[in-house]
Amino acid sequence: MTGVLVTGGTGKTGSVLAELLRGQGVPVRVASRTPAPSDPGAIRFDWSDPRTHPAALRGMDRVFLVPPVQSVDPLPLVGPFLTEAQRLGVRRVVFLGSAIVLPNAPSALDLAARVRAHPGWAVLRASGFMQNFLRPHPLGERIRRHGEIRTAAGEGRVGWIDARDIAAAASALLTDTAVEPDDRRDYLLTGPKALSYADAAATITTGSGRPVRVVHIDTDEQAANYRASGIPSEFAHTLAAVEDSVRAGQEDQVSTDVLGLTGRPPRTFTEFVHQHAQEWAVMP
């Protein structure tokens, strides 16, 4: 049997990717810690339990790789998985990395380098997700509950991308429609325009009718907000520190790689807001 193992298969990108691939007749195995009983292609998979890895990989010749969430050191968990993938003859791994470099998280870069070094494997470097403006992400929760965005990023801009466009790019790579097996370059995935949080707030206000304001805070307060939302302390500080690089202009970048891979431009933030306007309705 051949097919695609989708790790993070119930997440923002993985769930869309699984649907896209199945729509093209590609066999898909959805890996997650809590597989849906109604999905015959679902399998239990846990990064922290290596015993679940061989069964997930067996019979699959392609993998969509989403590293452990909320981890600043993914390589110790993902490294053995990649070794097993190579042993079983997986010919294509598409790794979902980040265009935004996490401070004090060097193993994330090491992991990308390991994927990049293998012939036929590819690295996606995705910018910030537009879906972060929706619940249950802390950013989306705060907009929904309080009509505000609290940020330490100042007027820095991010090339926000819709997770559906990431999934479409990954699908192209996993179905061999856009890349040769020996192509080992990175793909920078962004939306068509970089936006500040003030730009995003104005777009949500106009598109949904819900007034959204921006409150500028410092990095320590942002880390505390993330911790209060349930994010582990180390990762909360790392996420907050990302806003320093955004404020410094380091994440103000856009690319045409979504267009190059899929044949269509990525969705705009305005389109995203119009499609999700009801998500920001005033709470009763």
Protein backbone atom coordinates (compact mmCIF):
# COMPACT_ATOMS: atom_id res chain seq x y z
CA MET A 1 0.00 0.00 0.00
CA THR A 2 1.15 3.56 -0.65
CA GLY A 3 -0.30 6.77 0.65
CA VAL A 4 0.26 9.82 2.81
CA LEU A 5 0.63 9.79 6.57
CA VAL A 6 -0.66 13.13 7.87
CA THR A 7 0.73 13.88 11.32
CA GLY A 8 -1.18 16.56 13.18
CA GLY A 9 -4.06 15.20 11.14
CA THR A 10 -6.80 16.85 13.20
CA GLY A 11 -5.08 20.27 13.34
CA LYS A 12 -5.66 23.48 11.38
CA THR A 13 -3.59 22.40 8.39
CA GLY A 14 -3.59 18.61 8.64
CA SER A 15 -7.38 18.26 8.63
CA VAL A 16 -7.69 20.38 5.48
CA LEU A 17 -4.81 18.54 3.82
CA ALA A 18 -6.35 15.14 4.53
CA GLU A 19 -9.59 16.29 2.90
CA LEU A 20 -7.76 17.68 -0.15
CA LEU A 21 -5.77 14.50 -0.67
CA ARG A 22 -8.78 12.24 -0.27
CA GLY A 23 -10.61 14.40 -2.79
CA GLN A 24 -7.88 13.48 -5.27
CA GLY A 25 -8.18 9.79 -4.50
CA VAL A 26 -4.96 9.62 -2.49
CA PRO A 27 -4.98 7.10 0.39
CA VAL A 28 -4.54 9.01 3.65
CA ARG A 29 -3.70 7.87 7.16
CA VAL A 30 -4.62 10.52 9.75
CA ALA A 31 -2.35 10.40 12.77
CA SER A 32 -3.38 11.95 16.08
CA ARG A 33 -3.33 11.24 19.80
CA THR A 34 -7.10 10.77 19.76
CA PRO A 35 -8.07 9.23 16.40
CA ALA A 36 -11.69 9.58 15.38
CA PRO A 37 -13.52 6.23 15.65
CA SER A 38 -15.57 7.16 12.60
CA ASP A 39 -12.48 7.51 10.38
CA PRO A 40 -11.18 4.12 9.19
CA GLY A 41 -7.98 5.86 8.06
CA ALA A 42 -7.20 7.25 11.51
CA ILE A 43 -4.47 5.87 13.73
CA ARG A 44 -3.22 6.66 17.19
CA PHE A 45 0.05 8.58 17.10
CA ASP A 46 1.91 10.28 19.93
CA TRP A 47 5.29 11.98 19.53
CA SER A 48 6.16 11.09 23.11
CA ASP A 49 5.39 7.38 22.54
CA PRO A 50 7.81 5.98 19.90
CA ARG A 51 5.93 2.68 19.97
CA THR A 52 3.17 4.35 17.91
CA HIS A 53 5.53 5.49 15.15
CA PRO A 54 6.25 2.31 13.13
CA ALA A 55 2.59 1.36 12.80
CA ALA A 56 1.73 4.87 11.60
CA LEU A 57 4.50 4.81 8.99
CA ARG A 58 4.18 1.25 7.75
CA GLY A 59 2.84 1.12 4.19
CA MET A 60 3.03 4.89 3.68
CA ASP A 61 5.46 6.30 1.13
CA ARG A 62 4.84 10.01 1.90
CA VAL A 63 4.57 11.96 5.14
CA PHE A 64 3.25 15.38 6.09
CA LEU A 65 5.31 16.18 9.15
CA VAL A 66 4.00 18.56 11.81
CA PRO A 67 6.43 18.63 14.76
CA PRO A 68 5.19 18.52 18.36
CA VAL A 69 3.26 21.66 19.23
CA GLN A 70 4.38 23.94 22.05
CA SER A 71 7.89 22.49 22.02
CA VAL A 72 11.13 24.46 21.76
CA ASP A 73 13.15 21.27 21.31
CA PRO A 74 11.39 18.94 18.83
CA LEU A 75 14.42 17.13 17.44
CA PRO A 76 14.77 14.47 20.19
CA LEU A 77 11.21 13.33 19.48
CA VAL A 78 11.13 13.76 15.71
CA GLY A 79 14.67 12.56 14.94
CA PRO A 80 13.99 8.86 15.66
CA PHE A 81 10.75 9.12 13.66
CA LEU A 82 12.68 10.36 10.62
CA THR A 83 15.18 7.54 11.04
CA GLU A 84 12.32 5.05 11.03
CA ALA A 85 10.80 6.75 7.98
CA GLN A 86 14.05 6.36 6.09
CA ARG A 87 14.35 2.71 7.17
CA LEU A 88 10.86 1.99 5.85
CA GLY A 89 11.59 3.66 2.52
CA VAL A 90 9.47 6.80 2.78
CA ARG A 91 10.27 8.72 -0.41
CA ARG A 92 8.79 12.12 0.41
CA VAL A 93 8.53 14.07 3.67
CA VAL A 94 6.98 17.54 3.62
CA PHE A 95 7.92 19.25 6.86
CA LEU A 96 5.79 22.13 8.14
CA GLY A 97 8.27 24.50 9.71
CA SER A 98 7.96 28.17 10.53
CA ALA A 99 9.10 31.25 8.67
CA ILE A 100 9.22 32.92 12.08
CA VAL A 101 12.33 31.77 13.91
CA LEU A 102 11.61 30.88 17.51
CA PRO A 103 14.18 32.39 19.89
CA ASN A 104 16.17 29.90 21.95
CA ALA A 105 14.89 26.96 19.89
CA PRO A 106 17.88 25.86 17.78
CA SER A 107 16.71 22.27 17.36
CA ALA A 108 13.80 23.49 15.22
CA LEU A 109 16.39 24.74 12.73
CA ASP A 110 18.36 21.51 13.07
CA LEU A 111 15.23 19.53 12.31
CA ALA A 112 14.56 21.52 9.14
CA ALA A 113 18.18 21.02 8.07
CA ARG A 114 17.86 17.28 8.53
CA VAL A 115 14.76 17.15 6.31
CA ARG A 116 16.35 19.47 3.75
CA ALA A 117 19.40 17.22 3.44
CA HIS A 118 17.39 14.19 2.31
CA PRO A 119 16.76 13.89 -1.46
CA GLY A 120 13.10 14.32 -2.33
CA TRP A 121 12.10 15.80 1.03
CA ALA A 122 10.95 19.41 1.37
CA VAL A 123 10.60 22.13 4.01
CA LEU A 124 7.65 24.52 4.17
CA ARG A 125 8.34 27.70 6.15
CA ALA A 126 4.92 29.10 6.94
CA SER A 127 4.30 32.59 8.25
CA GLY A 128 1.80 33.35 11.02
CA PHE A 129 -1.58 31.64 10.59
CA MET A 130 -4.63 33.78 9.92
CA GLN A 131 -6.52 31.18 11.97
CA ASN A 132 -4.73 32.55 15.07
CA PHE A 133 -7.30 35.35 14.96
CA LEU A 134 -10.00 32.75 15.67
CA ARG A 135 -10.79 30.74 18.77
CA PRO A 136 -9.42 28.68 20.45
CA HIS A 137 -6.09 30.48 19.90
CA PRO A 138 -5.47 32.99 22.73
CA LEU A 139 -5.41 35.83 20.19
CA GLY A 140 -8.79 34.84 18.80
CA GLU A 141 -10.25 34.25 22.25
CA ARG A 142 -9.31 37.76 23.35
CA ILE A 143 -10.83 39.34 20.25
CA ARG A 144 -14.02 37.36 20.79
CA ARG A 145 -14.31 38.08 24.51
CA HIS A 146 -12.91 41.59 24.81
CA GLY A 147 -12.74 43.08 21.31
CA GLU A 148 -9.02 43.71 21.63
CA ILE A 149 -5.61 42.54 20.51
CA ARG A 150 -2.85 42.78 23.10
CA THR A 151 0.57 42.72 21.48
CA ALA A 152 4.22 43.49 22.12
CA ALA A 153 4.91 43.61 18.36
CA GLY A 154 4.32 47.35 18.00
CA GLU A 155 3.74 48.26 14.36
CA GLY A 156 5.72 45.28 13.05
CA ARG A 157 4.15 43.34 10.20
CA VAL A 158 3.65 39.65 9.44
CA GLY A 159 2.78 37.98 6.12
CA TRP A 160 -0.24 36.18 7.62
CA ILE A 161 -1.32 33.10 5.67
CA ASP A 162 -4.52 31.06 5.65
CA ALA A 163 -3.89 27.48 6.79
CA ARG A 164 -5.93 26.31 3.80
CA ASP A 165 -3.26 27.73 1.50
CA ILE A 166 -0.56 25.90 3.45
CA ALA A 167 -2.53 22.68 3.01
CA ALA A 168 -2.90 23.32 -0.73
CA ALA A 169 0.86 23.87 -1.07
CA ALA A 170 1.59 20.69 0.88
CA SER A 171 -0.88 18.76 -1.26
CA ALA A 172 0.91 19.86 -4.41
CA LEU A 173 4.22 18.60 -3.08
CA LEU A 174 2.77 15.34 -1.77
CA THR A 175 1.09 14.53 -5.07
CA ASP A 176 4.18 15.33 -7.16
CA THR A 177 2.42 18.03 -9.16
CA ALA A 178 4.87 20.83 -8.38
CA VAL A 179 8.28 19.48 -7.42
CA GLU A 180 10.74 16.92 -8.69
CA PRO A 181 11.85 14.24 -6.21
CA ASP A 182 15.38 15.66 -6.01
CA ASP A 183 14.27 19.28 -5.37
CA ARG A 184 15.44 20.19 -1.86
CA ARG A 185 14.70 23.89 -1.53
CA ASP A 186 12.64 25.59 1.15
CA TYR A 187 9.26 27.09 0.35
CA LEU A 188 8.34 30.34 2.10
CA LEU A 189 4.57 30.40 2.50
CA THR A 190 2.94 33.76 3.20
CA GLY A 191 -0.18 35.67 2.37
CA PRO A 192 -0.09 38.30 -0.39
CA LYS A 193 0.55 41.21 1.98
CA ALA A 194 2.25 41.76 5.32
CA LEU A 195 0.01 43.33 7.97
CA SER A 196 0.49 44.84 11.41
CA TYR A 197 -1.89 43.98 14.23
CA ALA A 198 -3.42 47.42 13.75
CA ASP A 199 -4.04 46.56 10.08
CA ALA A 200 -5.63 43.26 11.11
CA ALA A 201 -7.81 44.90 13.75
CA ALA A 202 -9.06 47.47 11.25
CA THR A 203 -9.88 44.75 8.71
CA ILE A 204 -11.80 42.71 11.30
CA THR A 205 -13.67 45.83 12.42
CA THR A 206 -14.68 46.71 8.86
CA GLY A 207 -15.44 43.17 7.72
CA SER A 208 -17.33 41.91 10.77
CA GLY A 209 -18.78 45.06 12.30
CA ARG A 210 -17.11 44.16 15.61
CA PRO A 211 -14.91 47.02 16.86
CA VAL A 212 -11.44 45.67 17.66
CA ARG A 213 -8.76 47.80 19.32
CA VAL A 214 -5.04 47.21 19.74
CA VAL A 215 -3.42 47.45 23.19
CA HIS A 216 0.37 47.67 23.23
CA ILE A 217 2.07 45.77 26.05
CA ASP A 218 5.58 44.55 26.81
CA THR A 219 7.00 41.08 26.21
CA ASP A 220 6.80 40.00 29.86
CA GLU A 221 3.11 40.81 30.02
CA GLN A 222 2.52 38.93 26.80
CA ALA A 223 4.31 35.87 28.20
CA ALA A 224 2.07 36.07 31.26
CA ASN A 225 -0.99 36.20 29.01
CA TYR A 226 0.13 33.07 27.20
CA ARG A 227 0.78 31.27 30.48
CA ALA A 228 -2.66 32.25 31.73
CA SER A 229 -4.18 30.69 28.60
CA GLY A 230 -2.62 27.34 29.51
CA ILE A 231 0.54 27.42 27.38
CA PRO A 232 3.58 25.91 29.17
CA SER A 233 5.88 28.54 30.66
CA GLU A 234 8.95 27.93 28.48
CA PHE A 235 6.96 28.00 25.26
CA ALA A 236 4.94 31.01 26.44
CA HIS A 237 8.15 33.01 26.86
CA THR A 238 9.37 31.86 23.45
CA LEU A 239 6.13 32.93 21.75
CA ALA A 240 6.23 36.30 23.47
CA ALA A 241 9.85 36.82 22.41
CA VAL A 242 8.78 36.29 18.78
CA GLU A 243 7.00 39.62 19.01
CA ASP A 244 10.36 41.32 19.54
CA SER A 245 11.45 40.12 16.09
CA VAL A 246 8.11 41.18 14.60
CA ARG A 247 8.52 44.66 16.12
CA ALA A 248 12.04 44.84 14.65
CA GLY A 249 10.68 44.13 11.15
CA GLN A 250 12.28 40.70 10.79
CA GLU A 251 9.00 38.96 9.88
CA ASP A 252 7.87 41.56 7.31
CA GLN A 253 8.15 39.28 4.27
CA VAL A 254 5.96 37.94 1.48
CA SER A 255 6.61 35.38 -1.23
CA THR A 256 5.03 33.92 -4.35
CA ASP A 257 5.60 30.27 -3.41
CA VAL A 258 1.91 29.51 -2.79
CA LEU A 259 1.18 30.70 -6.33
CA GLY A 260 4.12 28.74 -7.68
CA LEU A 261 3.03 25.50 -6.03
CA THR A 262 -0.74 25.69 -6.41
CA GLY A 263 -1.25 27.87 -9.48
CA ARG A 264 -3.35 30.41 -7.58
CA PRO A 265 -2.54 33.30 -5.26
CA PRO A 266 -2.99 32.93 -1.50
CA ARG A 267 -6.12 34.28 0.16
CA THR A 268 -6.07 37.84 1.42
CA PHE A 269 -6.77 38.70 5.04
CA THR A 270 -9.86 40.58 3.88
CA GLU A 271 -11.20 37.41 2.26
CA PHE A 272 -10.45 35.47 5.42
CA VAL A 273 -12.31 38.01 7.57
CA HIS A 274 -15.37 37.98 5.33
CA GLN A 275 -15.50 34.18 5.49
CA HIS A 276 -15.29 34.13 9.30
CA ALA A 277 -17.06 37.37 10.25
CA GLN A 278 -19.55 35.60 12.53
CA GLU A 279 -16.67 34.29 14.68
CA TRP A 280 -16.10 37.77 16.12
CA ALA A 281 -19.73 38.56 16.92
CA VAL A 282 -20.35 40.26 20.27
CA MET A 283 -20.84 37.66 22.97
CA PRO A 284 -24.35 37.61 24.54
